[in-house]
Protein backbone atom coordinates (compact mmCIF):
# COMPACT_ATOMS: atom_id res chain seq x y z
CA UNK A 1 0.00 0.00 0.00
CA UNK A 2 1.64 3.19 -1.14
CA UNK A 3 1.34 6.23 1.06
CA UNK A 4 0.39 9.38 -0.67
CA UNK A 5 2.70 12.31 -0.14
CA UNK A 6 1.58 14.93 2.33
CA UNK A 7 1.47 18.32 0.74
CA UNK A 8 2.37 21.41 2.77
CA UNK A 9 -0.61 23.30 4.14
CA UNK A 10 -1.56 26.58 2.62
CA UNK A 11 -1.48 29.63 4.86
CA UNK A 12 -5.25 29.60 5.30
CA UNK A 13 -5.33 25.88 6.06
CA UNK A 14 -2.54 26.27 8.61
CA UNK A 15 -4.38 29.16 10.29
CA UNK A 16 -7.61 27.16 10.44
CA UNK A 17 -5.82 24.14 11.90
CA UNK A 18 -4.07 26.32 14.50
CA UNK A 19 -7.39 27.91 15.51
CA UNK A 20 -8.98 24.49 15.91
CA UNK A 21 -6.10 23.08 17.97
CA UNK A 22 -5.93 26.16 20.20
CA UNK A 23 -9.65 25.79 21.03
CA UNK A 24 -9.06 22.18 22.12
CA UNK A 25 -6.24 22.92 24.61
CA UNK A 26 -6.86 23.00 28.34
CA UNK A 27 -9.79 22.06 30.55
CA UNK A 28 -12.37 24.27 28.84
CA UNK A 29 -13.24 21.97 25.94
CA UNK A 30 -13.61 18.99 28.28
CA UNK A 31 -15.89 20.99 30.57
CA UNK A 32 -18.05 22.06 27.61
CA UNK A 33 -18.35 18.45 26.42
CA UNK A 34 -18.98 17.04 29.94
CA UNK A 35 -20.81 19.69 32.00
CA UNK A 36 -22.46 17.22 34.39
CA UNK A 37 -19.22 15.42 35.19
CA UNK A 38 -17.34 18.72 35.60
CA UNK A 39 -19.99 20.03 38.01
CA UNK A 40 -19.95 16.78 39.96
CA UNK A 41 -16.16 16.84 40.29
CA UNK A 42 -16.22 20.49 41.35
CA UNK A 43 -18.86 19.89 44.02
CA UNK A 44 -17.11 16.78 45.36
CA UNK A 45 -13.77 18.59 45.38
CA UNK A 46 -15.32 21.48 47.26
CA UNK A 47 -16.80 19.13 49.85
CA UNK A 48 -13.49 17.33 50.35
CA UNK A 49 -11.48 20.55 50.59
CA UNK A 50 -14.08 22.19 52.79
CA UNK A 51 -14.17 19.32 55.27
CA UNK A 52 -10.41 18.70 55.53
CA UNK A 53 -8.53 21.73 56.92
CA UNK A 54 -5.12 19.99 56.76
CA UNK A 55 -5.66 19.06 53.13
CA UNK A 56 -6.82 22.59 52.34
CA UNK A 57 -3.71 24.03 54.02
CA UNK A 58 -1.40 21.64 52.15
CA UNK A 59 -3.09 22.40 48.84
CA UNK A 60 -2.81 26.13 49.48
CA UNK A 61 0.91 25.78 50.14
CA UNK A 62 1.37 23.72 46.98
CA UNK A 63 -0.47 26.29 44.86
CA UNK A 64 1.57 29.14 46.32
CA UNK A 65 4.77 27.18 45.65
CA UNK A 66 3.72 26.52 42.03
CA UNK A 67 2.48 30.05 41.39
CA UNK A 68 5.78 31.30 39.89
CA UNK A 69 5.79 28.38 37.46
CA UNK A 70 2.17 28.99 36.50
CA UNK A 71 2.76 32.69 35.97
CA UNK A 72 5.74 32.05 33.66
CA UNK A 73 3.65 29.90 31.32
CA UNK A 74 1.12 32.74 31.11
């Protein structure tokens, strides 16, 4: 079976592909596709964090420690 040669994308095709890929990055697209699951996870996470002060404190420290890394990625 011979593979056909891939041709380079035109500028417009490349722009359209980049727009599509950029919309699919991150948690947003998953949340839009799975709103019930996302809401369930958020509520359960809030209950767990709200009822466990040591876990909440540890998570807060971890977020503060990672904040410089998160800000660099911007």
